[in-house]
Amino acid sequence: MKTLYDVMQLLKGYGTIIYTGDPQADLELMEEEIRELYRLQFITPKEYAAAVLILRQKQSGKKK
């Protein structure tokens, strides 16, 4: 997993599509959903760490 698109595809695979019109809110909701998938053990620790890293980089305005 390397891009925001990859994170979105991961969420989509579990039936979650997030679009509120507010990019910052979208990132926050995606992180909450990723956390919940990890808590329920649907995704691996590696997937969780990669997804959270990508989302936090986007939230802070960094590329990738």
PDB file of N, CA and C in Angstrom:
ATOM      1  N   MET A   1       0.853  -1.168   0.000  1.00  0.00           N
ATOM      2  CA  MET A   1       0.000   0.000   0.000  1.00  0.00           C
ATOM      3  C   MET A   1       0.901   1.234   0.000  1.00  0.00           C
ATOM      4  N   LYS A   2       0.710   2.088  -1.023  1.00  0.00           N
ATOM      5  CA  LYS A   2       1.602   3.231  -1.153  1.00  0.00           C
ATOM      6  C   LYS A   2       0.894   4.573  -1.304  1.00  0.00           C
ATOM      7  N   THR A   3      -0.362   4.554  -1.709  1.00  0.00           N
ATOM      8  CA  THR A   3      -1.048   5.816  -1.990  1.00  0.00           C
ATOM      9  C   THR A   3      -2.408   5.881  -1.298  1.00  0.00           C
ATOM     10  N   LEU A   4      -2.972   7.079  -1.302  1.00  0.00           N
ATOM     11  CA  LEU A   4      -4.312   7.274  -0.756  1.00  0.00           C
ATOM     12  C   LEU A   4      -5.312   6.423  -1.535  1.00  0.00           C
ATOM     13  N   TYR A   5      -5.097   6.302  -2.827  1.00  0.00           N
ATOM     14  CA  TYR A   5      -5.970   5.471  -3.654  1.00  0.00           C
ATOM     15  C   TYR A   5      -5.979   4.031  -3.131  1.00  0.00           C
ATOM     16  N   ASP A   6      -4.815   3.524  -2.759  1.00  0.00           N
ATOM     17  CA  ASP A   6      -4.720   2.164  -2.215  1.00  0.00           C
ATOM     18  C   ASP A   6      -5.537   2.028  -0.932  1.00  0.00           C
ATOM     19  N   VAL A   7      -5.490   3.047  -0.089  1.00  0.00           N
ATOM     20  CA  VAL A   7      -6.267   3.034   1.154  1.00  0.00           C
ATOM     21  C   VAL A   7      -7.762   3.033   0.826  1.00  0.00           C
ATOM     22  N   MET A   8      -8.138   3.857  -0.136  1.00  0.00           N
ATOM     23  CA  MET A   8      -9.546   3.930  -0.537  1.00  0.00           C
ATOM     24  C   MET A   8     -10.024   2.586  -1.099  1.00  0.00           C
ATOM     25  N   GLN A   9      -9.164   1.911  -1.859  1.00  0.00           N
ATOM     26  CA  GLN A   9      -9.523   0.605  -2.416  1.00  0.00           C
ATOM     27  C   GLN A   9      -9.648  -0.446  -1.314  1.00  0.00           C
ATOM     28  N   LEU A  10      -8.794  -0.366  -0.307  1.00  0.00           N
ATOM     29  CA  LEU A  10      -8.882  -1.271   0.834  1.00  0.00           C
ATOM     30  C   LEU A  10     -10.237  -1.104   1.529  1.00  0.00           C
ATOM     31  N   LEU A  11     -10.603   0.148   1.793  1.00  0.00           N
ATOM     32  CA  LEU A  11     -11.887   0.423   2.436  1.00  0.00           C
ATOM     33  C   LEU A  11     -13.049  -0.031   1.555  1.00  0.00           C
ATOM     34  N   LYS A  12     -12.939   0.222   0.264  1.00  0.00           N
ATOM     35  CA  LYS A  12     -13.987  -0.165  -0.676  1.00  0.00           C
ATOM     36  C   LYS A  12     -14.199  -1.682  -0.651  1.00  0.00           C
ATOM     37  N   GLY A  13     -13.123  -2.424  -0.487  1.00  0.00           N
ATOM     38  CA  GLY A  13     -13.216  -3.878  -0.402  1.00  0.00           C
ATOM     39  C   GLY A  13     -14.064  -4.348   0.771  1.00  0.00           C
ATOM     40  N   TYR A  14     -14.198  -3.501   1.771  1.00  0.00           N
ATOM     41  CA  TYR A  14     -15.031  -3.825   2.936  1.00  0.00           C
ATOM     42  C   TYR A  14     -16.355  -3.069   2.896  1.00  0.00           C
ATOM     43  N   GLY A  15     -16.678  -2.504   1.729  1.00  0.00           N
ATOM     44  CA  GLY A  15     -17.971  -1.847   1.555  1.00  0.00           C
ATOM     45  C   GLY A  15     -18.044  -0.425   2.069  1.00  0.00           C
ATOM     46  N   THR A  16     -16.895   0.212   2.254  1.00  0.00           N
ATOM     47  CA  THR A  16     -16.880   1.576   2.783  1.00  0.00           C
ATOM     48  C   THR A  16     -16.373   2.550   1.733  1.00  0.00           C
ATOM     49  N   ILE A  17     -17.231   3.489   1.367  1.00  0.00           N
ATOM     50  CA  ILE A  17     -16.843   4.563   0.457  1.00  0.00           C
ATOM     51  C   ILE A  17     -17.100   5.862   1.202  1.00  0.00           C
ATOM     52  N   ILE A  18     -16.070   6.680   1.309  1.00  0.00           N
ATOM     53  CA  ILE A  18     -16.192   7.918   2.072  1.00  0.00           C
ATOM     54  C   ILE A  18     -16.004   9.106   1.148  1.00  0.00           C
ATOM     55  N   TYR A  19     -17.036   9.956   1.086  1.00  0.00           N
ATOM     56  CA  TYR A  19     -16.921  11.218   0.368  1.00  0.00           C
ATOM     57  C   TYR A  19     -17.906  12.191   0.985  1.00  0.00           C
ATOM     58  N   THR A  20     -17.378  13.190   1.678  1.00  0.00           N
ATOM     59  CA  THR A  20     -18.239  14.183   2.317  1.00  0.00           C
ATOM     60  C   THR A  20     -18.168  15.526   1.607  1.00  0.00           C
ATOM     61  N   GLY A  21     -17.195  15.679   0.707  1.00  0.00           N
ATOM     62  CA  GLY A  21     -16.982  16.963   0.062  1.00  0.00           C
ATOM     63  C   GLY A  21     -15.919  17.782   0.781  1.00  0.00           C
ATOM     64  N   ASP A  22     -15.538  17.359   1.964  1.00  0.00           N
ATOM     65  CA  ASP A  22     -14.499  18.019   2.750  1.00  0.00           C
ATOM     66  C   ASP A  22     -13.303  17.065   2.829  1.00  0.00           C
ATOM     67  N   PRO A  23     -12.240  17.336   2.070  1.00  0.00           N
ATOM     68  CA  PRO A  23     -11.104  16.408   2.018  1.00  0.00           C
ATOM     69  C   PRO A  23     -10.503  16.077   3.387  1.00  0.00           C
ATOM     70  N   GLN A  24     -10.418  17.055   4.273  1.00  0.00           N
ATOM     71  CA  GLN A  24      -9.851  16.811   5.606  1.00  0.00           C
ATOM     72  C   GLN A  24     -10.745  15.875   6.411  1.00  0.00           C
ATOM     73  N   ALA A  25     -12.043  16.109   6.345  1.00  0.00           N
ATOM     74  CA  ALA A  25     -12.993  15.240   7.059  1.00  0.00           C
ATOM     75  C   ALA A  25     -12.954  13.828   6.478  1.00  0.00           C
ATOM     76  N   ASP A  26     -12.803  13.725   5.163  1.00  0.00           N
ATOM     77  CA  ASP A  26     -12.706  12.408   4.526  1.00  0.00           C
ATOM     78  C   ASP A  26     -11.523  11.624   5.091  1.00  0.00           C
ATOM     79  N   LEU A  27     -10.377  12.282   5.224  1.00  0.00           N
ATOM     80  CA  LEU A  27      -9.181  11.621   5.745  1.00  0.00           C
ATOM     81  C   LEU A  27      -9.390  11.152   7.182  1.00  0.00           C
ATOM     82  N   GLU A  28     -10.044  11.986   7.984  1.00  0.00           N
ATOM     83  CA  GLU A  28     -10.310  11.625   9.376  1.00  0.00           C
ATOM     84  C   GLU A  28     -11.264  10.434   9.468  1.00  0.00           C
ATOM     85  N   LEU A  29     -12.300  10.442   8.636  1.00  0.00           N
ATOM     86  CA  LEU A  29     -13.242   9.323   8.639  1.00  0.00           C
ATOM     87  C   LEU A  29     -12.581   8.037   8.153  1.00  0.00           C
ATOM     88  N   MET A  30     -11.719   8.162   7.150  1.00  0.00           N
ATOM     89  CA  MET A  30     -11.002   6.986   6.656  1.00  0.00           C
ATOM     90  C   MET A  30     -10.123   6.395   7.750  1.00  0.00           C
ATOM     91  N   GLU A  31      -9.462   7.260   8.508  1.00  0.00           N
ATOM     92  CA  GLU A  31      -8.610   6.761   9.597  1.00  0.00           C
ATOM     93  C   GLU A  31      -9.453   6.053  10.657  1.00  0.00           C
ATOM     94  N   GLU A  32     -10.610   6.583  10.965  1.00  0.00           N
ATOM     95  CA  GLU A  32     -11.497   5.929  11.935  1.00  0.00           C
ATOM     96  C   GLU A  32     -11.923   4.557  11.429  1.00  0.00           C
ATOM     97  N   GLU A  33     -12.254   4.473  10.148  1.00  0.00           N
ATOM     98  CA  GLU A  33     -12.673   3.194   9.576  1.00  0.00           C
ATOM     99  C   GLU A  33     -11.527   2.179   9.573  1.00  0.00           C
ATOM    100  N   ILE A  34     -10.327   2.641   9.245  1.00  0.00           N
ATOM    101  CA  ILE A  34      -9.151   1.761   9.250  1.00  0.00           C
ATOM    102  C   ILE A  34      -8.919   1.244  10.672  1.00  0.00           C
ATOM    103  N   ARG A  35      -9.021   2.134  11.645  1.00  0.00           N
ATOM    104  CA  ARG A  35      -8.841   1.733  13.045  1.00  0.00           C
ATOM    105  C   ARG A  35      -9.852   0.655  13.443  1.00  0.00           C
ATOM    106  N   GLU A  36     -11.085   0.843  13.012  1.00  0.00           N
ATOM    107  CA  GLU A  36     -12.138  -0.123  13.344  1.00  0.00           C
ATOM    108  C   GLU A  36     -11.888  -1.472  12.654  1.00  0.00           C
ATOM    109  N   LEU A  37     -11.469  -1.452  11.400  1.00  0.00           N
ATOM    110  CA  LEU A  37     -11.151  -2.707  10.699  1.00  0.00           C
ATOM    111  C   LEU A  37     -10.021  -3.449  11.402  1.00  0.00           C
ATOM    112  N   TYR A  38      -9.043  -2.701  11.876  1.00  0.00           N
ATOM    113  CA  TYR A  38      -7.922  -3.317  12.588  1.00  0.00           C
ATOM    114  C   TYR A  38      -8.388  -3.879  13.933  1.00  0.00           C
ATOM    115  N   ARG A  39      -9.189  -3.122  14.632  1.00  0.00           N
ATOM    116  CA  ARG A  39      -9.698  -3.564  15.934  1.00  0.00           C
ATOM    117  C   ARG A  39     -10.485  -4.868  15.799  1.00  0.00           C
ATOM    118  N   LEU A  40     -11.227  -4.989  14.711  1.00  0.00           N
ATOM    119  CA  LEU A  40     -12.019  -6.192  14.471  1.00  0.00           C
ATOM    120  C   LEU A  40     -11.206  -7.295  13.796  1.00  0.00           C
ATOM    121  N   GLN A  41      -9.931  -7.036  13.584  1.00  0.00           N
ATOM    122  CA  GLN A  41      -8.979  -7.982  12.995  1.00  0.00           C
ATOM    123  C   GLN A  41      -9.315  -8.376  11.553  1.00  0.00           C
ATOM    124  N   PHE A  42      -9.872  -7.418  10.788  1.00  0.00           N
ATOM    125  CA  PHE A  42     -10.120  -7.646   9.371  1.00  0.00           C
ATOM    126  C   PHE A  42      -8.878  -7.348   8.540  1.00  0.00           C
ATOM    127  N   ILE A  43      -8.019  -6.470   9.054  1.00  0.00           N
ATOM    128  CA  ILE A  43      -6.774  -6.147   8.353  1.00  0.00           C
ATOM    129  C   ILE A  43      -5.587  -6.458   9.258  1.00  0.00           C
ATOM    130  N   THR A  44      -4.447  -6.676   8.631  1.00  0.00           N
ATOM    131  CA  THR A  44      -3.230  -7.042   9.365  1.00  0.00           C
ATOM    132  C   THR A  44      -2.595  -5.805  10.004  1.00  0.00           C
ATOM    133  N   PRO A  45      -1.721  -6.018  10.973  1.00  0.00           N
ATOM    134  CA  PRO A  45      -1.001  -4.881  11.561  1.00  0.00           C
ATOM    135  C   PRO A  45      -0.207  -4.104  10.497  1.00  0.00           C
ATOM    136  N   LYS A  46       0.342  -4.812   9.528  1.00  0.00           N
ATOM    137  CA  LYS A  46       1.105  -4.156   8.461  1.00  0.00           C
ATOM    138  C   LYS A  46       0.199  -3.260   7.603  1.00  0.00           C
ATOM    139  N   GLU A  47      -0.984  -3.752   7.250  1.00  0.00           N
ATOM    140  CA  GLU A  47      -1.937  -2.950   6.473  1.00  0.00           C
ATOM    141  C   GLU A  47      -2.378  -1.733   7.275  1.00  0.00           C
ATOM    142  N   TYR A  48      -2.638  -1.958   8.553  1.00  0.00           N
ATOM    143  CA  TYR A  48      -3.067  -0.867   9.430  1.00  0.00           C
ATOM    144  C   TYR A  48      -2.006   0.225   9.498  1.00  0.00           C
ATOM    145  N   ALA A  49      -0.769  -0.167   9.759  1.00  0.00           N
ATOM    146  CA  ALA A  49       0.320   0.806   9.891  1.00  0.00           C
ATOM    147  C   ALA A  49       0.528   1.581   8.594  1.00  0.00           C
ATOM    148  N   ALA A  50       0.510   0.888   7.468  1.00  0.00           N
ATOM    149  CA  ALA A  50       0.717   1.553   6.177  1.00  0.00           C
ATOM    150  C   ALA A  50      -0.412   2.536   5.894  1.00  0.00           C
ATOM    151  N   ALA A  51      -1.647   2.121   6.134  1.00  0.00           N
ATOM    152  CA  ALA A  51      -2.800   2.973   5.857  1.00  0.00           C
ATOM    153  C   ALA A  51      -2.794   4.218   6.744  1.00  0.00           C
ATOM    154  N   VAL A  52      -2.528   4.038   8.023  1.00  0.00           N
ATOM    155  CA  VAL A  52      -2.515   5.176   8.946  1.00  0.00           C
ATOM    156  C   VAL A  52      -1.389   6.146   8.582  1.00  0.00           C
ATOM    157  N   LEU A  53      -0.237   5.625   8.210  1.00  0.00           N
ATOM    158  CA  LEU A  53       0.878   6.474   7.804  1.00  0.00           C
ATOM    159  C   LEU A  53       0.496   7.324   6.592  1.00  0.00           C
ATOM    160  N   ILE A  54      -0.100   6.704   5.599  1.00  0.00           N
ATOM    161  CA  ILE A  54      -0.516   7.430   4.393  1.00  0.00           C
ATOM    162  C   ILE A  54      -1.539   8.502   4.741  1.00  0.00           C
ATOM    163  N   LEU A  55      -2.535   8.142   5.544  1.00  0.00           N
ATOM    164  CA  LEU A  55      -3.582   9.107   5.898  1.00  0.00           C
ATOM    165  C   LEU A  55      -3.030  10.279   6.706  1.00  0.00           C
ATOM    166  N   ARG A  56      -2.135  10.001   7.628  1.00  0.00           N
ATOM    167  CA  ARG A  56      -1.567  11.087   8.444  1.00  0.00           C
ATOM    168  C   ARG A  56      -0.654  11.988   7.624  1.00  0.00           C
ATOM    169  N   GLN A  57       0.057  11.410   6.657  1.00  0.00           N
ATOM    170  CA  GLN A  57       0.895  12.243   5.772  1.00  0.00           C
ATOM    171  C   GLN A  57       0.005  13.170   4.956  1.00  0.00           C
ATOM    172  N   LYS A  58      -1.115  12.669   4.479  1.00  0.00           N
ATOM    173  CA  LYS A  58      -2.059  13.497   3.713  1.00  0.00           C
ATOM    174  C   LYS A  58      -2.662  14.579   4.594  1.00  0.00           C
ATOM    175  N   GLN A  59      -2.988  14.227   5.837  1.00  0.00           N
ATOM    176  CA  GLN A  59      -3.596  15.208   6.738  1.00  0.00           C
ATOM    177  C   GLN A  59      -2.627  16.332   7.052  1.00  0.00           C
ATOM    178  N   SER A  60      -1.337  16.023   7.116  1.00  0.00           N
ATOM    179  CA  SER A  60      -0.364  17.057   7.436  1.00  0.00           C
ATOM    180  C   SER A  60       0.112  17.809   6.195  1.00  0.00           C
ATOM    181  N   GLY A  61      -0.412  17.405   5.035  1.00  0.00           N
ATOM    182  CA  GLY A  61      -0.084  18.123   3.803  1.00  0.00           C
ATOM    183  C   GLY A  61       1.124  17.611   3.062  1.00  0.00           C
ATOM    184  N   LYS A  62       1.714  16.510   3.523  1.00  0.00           N
ATOM    185  CA  LYS A  62       2.877  15.959   2.844  1.00  0.00           C
ATOM    186  C   LYS A  62       2.431  15.104   1.667  1.00  0.00           C
ATOM    187  N   LYS A  63       3.280  14.974   0.687  1.00  0.00           N
ATOM    188  CA  LYS A  63       2.974  14.152  -0.475  1.00  0.00           C
ATOM    189  C   LYS A  63       3.144  12.681  -0.161  1.00  0.00           C
ATOM    190  N   LYS A  64       2.527  11.849  -1.008  1.00  0.00           N
ATOM    191  CA  LYS A  64       2.503  10.384  -0.972  1.00  0.00           C
ATOM    192  C   LYS A  64       1.297   9.914  -0.350  1.00  0.00           C
TER     193      LYS A  64
END
